[in-house]
Amino acid sequence: MAIRISDECVACGSCLDACPEGAIAEGDIFAIDPAKCSECKTCVETCPIGAIIEE
């Protein structure tokens, strides 16, 4: 998977609402489920602090 949520995540929830696949799980730092992620990059574009990055 080429997309991940970095340690900079502040758990604001923007990506949760934006993900069309429901691939993001809540936590102190959110996580992306690679089995559900289609790599559409909606979360990357939605994150207000740039904590979701492409590798």
PDB file of N, CA and C in Angstrom:
ATOM      1  N   MET A   1       0.850  -1.182   0.000  1.00  0.00           N
ATOM      2  CA  MET A   1       0.000   0.000   0.000  1.00  0.00           C
ATOM      3  C   MET A   1       0.888   1.234   0.000  1.00  0.00           C
ATOM      4  N   ALA A   2       0.541   2.198  -0.779  1.00  0.00           N
ATOM      5  CA  ALA A   2       1.365   3.386  -0.955  1.00  0.00           C
ATOM      6  C   ALA A   2       0.905   4.578  -0.128  1.00  0.00           C
ATOM      7  N   ILE A   3      -0.144   4.408   0.673  1.00  0.00           N
ATOM      8  CA  ILE A   3      -0.657   5.517   1.482  1.00  0.00           C
ATOM      9  C   ILE A   3      -0.624   5.111   2.947  1.00  0.00           C
ATOM     10  N   ARG A   4      -0.151   6.032   3.787  1.00  0.00           N
ATOM     11  CA  ARG A   4      -0.148   5.743   5.217  1.00  0.00           C
ATOM     12  C   ARG A   4      -0.405   7.018   6.004  1.00  0.00           C
ATOM     13  N   ILE A   5      -0.813   6.834   7.255  1.00  0.00           N
ATOM     14  CA  ILE A   5      -1.060   7.961   8.143  1.00  0.00           C
ATOM     15  C   ILE A   5       0.152   8.097   9.052  1.00  0.00           C
ATOM     16  N   SER A   6       0.763   9.264   9.048  1.00  0.00           N
ATOM     17  CA  SER A   6       1.987   9.500   9.807  1.00  0.00           C
ATOM     18  C   SER A   6       1.697   9.792  11.278  1.00  0.00           C
ATOM     19  N   ASP A   7       2.758   9.876  12.053  1.00  0.00           N
ATOM     20  CA  ASP A   7       2.656  10.190  13.479  1.00  0.00           C
ATOM     21  C   ASP A   7       2.149  11.607  13.725  1.00  0.00           C
ATOM     22  N   GLU A   8       2.078  12.416  12.689  1.00  0.00           N
ATOM     23  CA  GLU A   8       1.583  13.790  12.815  1.00  0.00           C
ATOM     24  C   GLU A   8       0.060  13.840  12.971  1.00  0.00           C
ATOM     25  N   CYS A   9      -0.621  12.718  12.780  1.00  0.00           N
ATOM     26  CA  CYS A   9      -2.084  12.648  12.864  1.00  0.00           C
ATOM     27  C   CYS A   9      -2.576  13.152  14.219  1.00  0.00           C
ATOM     28  N   VAL A  10      -3.591  14.017  14.177  1.00  0.00           N
ATOM     29  CA  VAL A  10      -4.194  14.553  15.404  1.00  0.00           C
ATOM     30  C   VAL A  10      -5.591  13.976  15.634  1.00  0.00           C
ATOM     31  N   ALA A  11      -5.955  12.951  14.873  1.00  0.00           N
ATOM     32  CA  ALA A  11      -7.225  12.245  15.004  1.00  0.00           C
ATOM     33  C   ALA A  11      -8.439  13.184  14.901  1.00  0.00           C
ATOM     34  N   CYS A  12      -8.406  14.073  13.921  1.00  0.00           N
ATOM     35  CA  CYS A  12      -9.495  15.042  13.747  1.00  0.00           C
ATOM     36  C   CYS A  12     -10.747  14.410  13.135  1.00  0.00           C
ATOM     37  N   GLY A  13     -10.583  13.312  12.402  1.00  0.00           N
ATOM     38  CA  GLY A  13     -11.724  12.625  11.816  1.00  0.00           C
ATOM     39  C   GLY A  13     -12.077  13.019  10.395  1.00  0.00           C
ATOM     40  N   SER A  14     -11.372  13.960   9.822  1.00  0.00           N
ATOM     41  CA  SER A  14     -11.676  14.392   8.452  1.00  0.00           C
ATOM     42  C   SER A  14     -11.585  13.234   7.463  1.00  0.00           C
ATOM     43  N   CYS A  15     -10.593  12.411   7.617  1.00  0.00           N
ATOM     44  CA  CYS A  15     -10.396  11.289   6.697  1.00  0.00           C
ATOM     45  C   CYS A  15     -11.473  10.216   6.868  1.00  0.00           C
ATOM     46  N   LEU A  16     -11.954  10.030   8.090  1.00  0.00           N
ATOM     47  CA  LEU A  16     -13.013   9.046   8.339  1.00  0.00           C
ATOM     48  C   LEU A  16     -14.240   9.353   7.497  1.00  0.00           C
ATOM     49  N   ASP A  17     -14.653  10.593   7.520  1.00  0.00           N
ATOM     50  CA  ASP A  17     -15.836  11.013   6.777  1.00  0.00           C
ATOM     51  C   ASP A  17     -15.610  10.989   5.267  1.00  0.00           C
ATOM     52  N   ALA A  18     -14.375  11.196   4.839  1.00  0.00           N
ATOM     53  CA  ALA A  18     -14.070  11.303   3.418  1.00  0.00           C
ATOM     54  C   ALA A  18     -13.848   9.962   2.727  1.00  0.00           C
ATOM     55  N   CYS A  19     -13.396   8.959   3.450  1.00  0.00           N
ATOM     56  CA  CYS A  19     -13.025   7.681   2.833  1.00  0.00           C
ATOM     57  C   CYS A  19     -14.251   6.930   2.304  1.00  0.00           C
ATOM     58  N   PRO A  20     -14.328   6.729   0.984  1.00  0.00           N
ATOM     59  CA  PRO A  20     -15.482   6.040   0.410  1.00  0.00           C
ATOM     60  C   PRO A  20     -15.488   4.536   0.681  1.00  0.00           C
ATOM     61  N   GLU A  21     -14.340   3.992   1.072  1.00  0.00           N
ATOM     62  CA  GLU A  21     -14.217   2.551   1.309  1.00  0.00           C
ATOM     63  C   GLU A  21     -14.375   2.170   2.777  1.00  0.00           C
ATOM     64  N   GLY A  22     -14.403   3.153   3.678  1.00  0.00           N
ATOM     65  CA  GLY A  22     -14.460   2.854   5.105  1.00  0.00           C
ATOM     66  C   GLY A  22     -13.195   2.161   5.584  1.00  0.00           C
ATOM     67  N   ALA A  23     -12.066   2.540   4.995  1.00  0.00           N
ATOM     68  CA  ALA A  23     -10.797   1.867   5.259  1.00  0.00           C
ATOM     69  C   ALA A  23     -10.005   2.470   6.414  1.00  0.00           C
ATOM     70  N   ILE A  24     -10.521   3.504   7.045  1.00  0.00           N
ATOM     71  CA  ILE A  24      -9.770   4.180   8.101  1.00  0.00           C
ATOM     72  C   ILE A  24     -10.371   3.849   9.458  1.00  0.00           C
ATOM     73  N   ALA A  25      -9.500   3.428  10.382  1.00  0.00           N
ATOM     74  CA  ALA A  25      -9.923   3.061  11.731  1.00  0.00           C
ATOM     75  C   ALA A  25      -9.504   4.138  12.713  1.00  0.00           C
ATOM     76  N   GLU A  26     -10.376   4.418  13.678  1.00  0.00           N
ATOM     77  CA  GLU A  26     -10.093   5.418  14.701  1.00  0.00           C
ATOM     78  C   GLU A  26      -9.086   4.901  15.718  1.00  0.00           C
ATOM     79  N   GLY A  27      -8.408   5.837  16.362  1.00  0.00           N
ATOM     80  CA  GLY A  27      -7.446   5.538  17.410  1.00  0.00           C
ATOM     81  C   GLY A  27      -6.733   6.814  17.793  1.00  0.00           C
ATOM     82  N   ASP A  28      -5.728   6.712  18.649  1.00  0.00           N
ATOM     83  CA  ASP A  28      -4.930   7.892  18.991  1.00  0.00           C
ATOM     84  C   ASP A  28      -4.338   8.479  17.721  1.00  0.00           C
ATOM     85  N   ILE A  29      -3.850   7.600  16.879  1.00  0.00           N
ATOM     86  CA  ILE A  29      -3.444   7.940  15.521  1.00  0.00           C
ATOM     87  C   ILE A  29      -4.248   7.007  14.635  1.00  0.00           C
ATOM     88  N   PHE A  30      -4.949   7.530  13.664  1.00  0.00           N
ATOM     89  CA  PHE A  30      -5.789   6.704  12.823  1.00  0.00           C
ATOM     90  C   PHE A  30      -4.931   5.766  11.975  1.00  0.00           C
ATOM     91  N   ALA A  31      -5.537   4.700  11.462  1.00  0.00           N
ATOM     92  CA  ALA A  31      -4.820   3.723  10.648  1.00  0.00           C
ATOM     93  C   ALA A  31      -5.655   3.380   9.418  1.00  0.00           C
ATOM     94  N   ILE A  32      -4.974   3.022   8.337  1.00  0.00           N
ATOM     95  CA  ILE A  32      -5.632   2.629   7.097  1.00  0.00           C
ATOM     96  C   ILE A  32      -5.564   1.114   6.969  1.00  0.00           C
ATOM     97  N   ASP A  33      -6.707   0.489   6.722  1.00  0.00           N
ATOM     98  CA  ASP A  33      -6.775  -0.954   6.514  1.00  0.00           C
ATOM     99  C   ASP A  33      -6.420  -1.223   5.050  1.00  0.00           C
ATOM    100  N   PRO A  34      -5.270  -1.841   4.793  1.00  0.00           N
ATOM    101  CA  PRO A  34      -4.855  -2.058   3.404  1.00  0.00           C
ATOM    102  C   PRO A  34      -5.785  -2.989   2.621  1.00  0.00           C
ATOM    103  N   ALA A  35      -6.521  -3.833   3.305  1.00  0.00           N
ATOM    104  CA  ALA A  35      -7.450  -4.735   2.622  1.00  0.00           C
ATOM    105  C   ALA A  35      -8.662  -3.989   2.072  1.00  0.00           C
ATOM    106  N   LYS A  36      -9.002  -2.861   2.672  1.00  0.00           N
ATOM    107  CA  LYS A  36     -10.155  -2.075   2.236  1.00  0.00           C
ATOM    108  C   LYS A  36      -9.775  -0.889   1.359  1.00  0.00           C
ATOM    109  N   CYS A  37      -8.552  -0.397   1.495  1.00  0.00           N
ATOM    110  CA  CYS A  37      -8.124   0.822   0.789  1.00  0.00           C
ATOM    111  C   CYS A  37      -7.998   0.584  -0.715  1.00  0.00           C
ATOM    112  N   SER A  38      -8.625   1.454  -1.496  1.00  0.00           N
ATOM    113  CA  SER A  38      -8.531   1.385  -2.958  1.00  0.00           C
ATOM    114  C   SER A  38      -7.482   2.363  -3.499  1.00  0.00           C
ATOM    115  N   GLU A  39      -6.802   3.057  -2.589  1.00  0.00           N
ATOM    116  CA  GLU A  39      -5.773   4.043  -2.933  1.00  0.00           C
ATOM    117  C   GLU A  39      -6.322   5.169  -3.815  1.00  0.00           C
ATOM    118  N   CYS A  40      -7.534   5.615  -3.506  1.00  0.00           N
ATOM    119  CA  CYS A  40      -8.153   6.700  -4.275  1.00  0.00           C
ATOM    120  C   CYS A  40      -7.559   8.065  -3.927  1.00  0.00           C
ATOM    121  N   LYS A  41      -6.884   8.144  -2.791  1.00  0.00           N
ATOM    122  CA  LYS A  41      -6.196   9.348  -2.318  1.00  0.00           C
ATOM    123  C   LYS A  41      -7.137  10.450  -1.823  1.00  0.00           C
ATOM    124  N   THR A  42      -8.397  10.137  -1.616  1.00  0.00           N
ATOM    125  CA  THR A  42      -9.326  11.113  -1.071  1.00  0.00           C
ATOM    126  C   THR A  42      -8.873  11.550   0.317  1.00  0.00           C
ATOM    127  N   CYS A  43      -8.372  10.622   1.107  1.00  0.00           N
ATOM    128  CA  CYS A  43      -7.905  10.947   2.459  1.00  0.00           C
ATOM    129  C   CYS A  43      -6.694  11.882   2.418  1.00  0.00           C
ATOM    130  N   VAL A  44      -5.800  11.654   1.458  1.00  0.00           N
ATOM    131  CA  VAL A  44      -4.610  12.501   1.310  1.00  0.00           C
ATOM    132  C   VAL A  44      -5.042  13.939   1.038  1.00  0.00           C
ATOM    133  N   GLU A  45      -6.001  14.095   0.148  1.00  0.00           N
ATOM    134  CA  GLU A  45      -6.491  15.423  -0.227  1.00  0.00           C
ATOM    135  C   GLU A  45      -7.300  16.090   0.882  1.00  0.00           C
ATOM    136  N   THR A  46      -7.922  15.278   1.739  1.00  0.00           N
ATOM    137  CA  THR A  46      -8.812  15.789   2.779  1.00  0.00           C
ATOM    138  C   THR A  46      -8.086  16.175   4.059  1.00  0.00           C
ATOM    139  N   CYS A  47      -6.983  15.540   4.368  1.00  0.00           N
ATOM    140  CA  CYS A  47      -6.288  15.771   5.633  1.00  0.00           C
ATOM    141  C   CYS A  47      -5.830  17.240   5.748  1.00  0.00           C
ATOM    142  N   PRO A  48      -6.336  17.944   6.758  1.00  0.00           N
ATOM    143  CA  PRO A  48      -6.021  19.380   6.867  1.00  0.00           C
ATOM    144  C   PRO A  48      -4.584  19.684   7.295  1.00  0.00           C
ATOM    145  N   ILE A  49      -3.877  18.689   7.821  1.00  0.00           N
ATOM    146  CA  ILE A  49      -2.500  18.960   8.272  1.00  0.00           C
ATOM    147  C   ILE A  49      -1.452  18.171   7.490  1.00  0.00           C
ATOM    148  N   GLY A  50      -1.883  17.438   6.471  1.00  0.00           N
ATOM    149  CA  GLY A  50      -0.947  16.694   5.640  1.00  0.00           C
ATOM    150  C   GLY A  50      -0.345  15.479   6.315  1.00  0.00           C
ATOM    151  N   ALA A  51      -1.092  14.870   7.237  1.00  0.00           N
ATOM    152  CA  ALA A  51      -0.573  13.712   7.970  1.00  0.00           C
ATOM    153  C   ALA A  51      -0.738  12.402   7.209  1.00  0.00           C
ATOM    154  N   ILE A  52      -1.490  12.416   6.125  1.00  0.00           N
ATOM    155  CA  ILE A  52      -1.648  11.213   5.298  1.00  0.00           C
ATOM    156  C   ILE A  52      -0.762  11.409   4.091  1.00  0.00           C
ATOM    157  N   ILE A  53       0.156  10.467   3.913  1.00  0.00           N
ATOM    158  CA  ILE A  53       1.178  10.637   2.888  1.00  0.00           C
ATOM    159  C   ILE A  53       1.245   9.444   1.948  1.00  0.00           C
ATOM    160  N   GLU A  54       1.695   9.721   0.736  1.00  0.00           N
ATOM    161  CA  GLU A  54       1.957   8.686  -0.258  1.00  0.00           C
ATOM    162  C   GLU A  54       3.422   8.338  -0.170  1.00  0.00           C
ATOM    163  N   GLU A  55       3.704   7.055  -0.245  1.00  0.00           N
ATOM    164  CA  GLU A  55       5.109   6.623  -0.184  1.00  0.00           C
ATOM    165  C   GLU A  55       5.576   6.105  -1.510  1.00  0.00           C
TER     166      GLU A  55
END
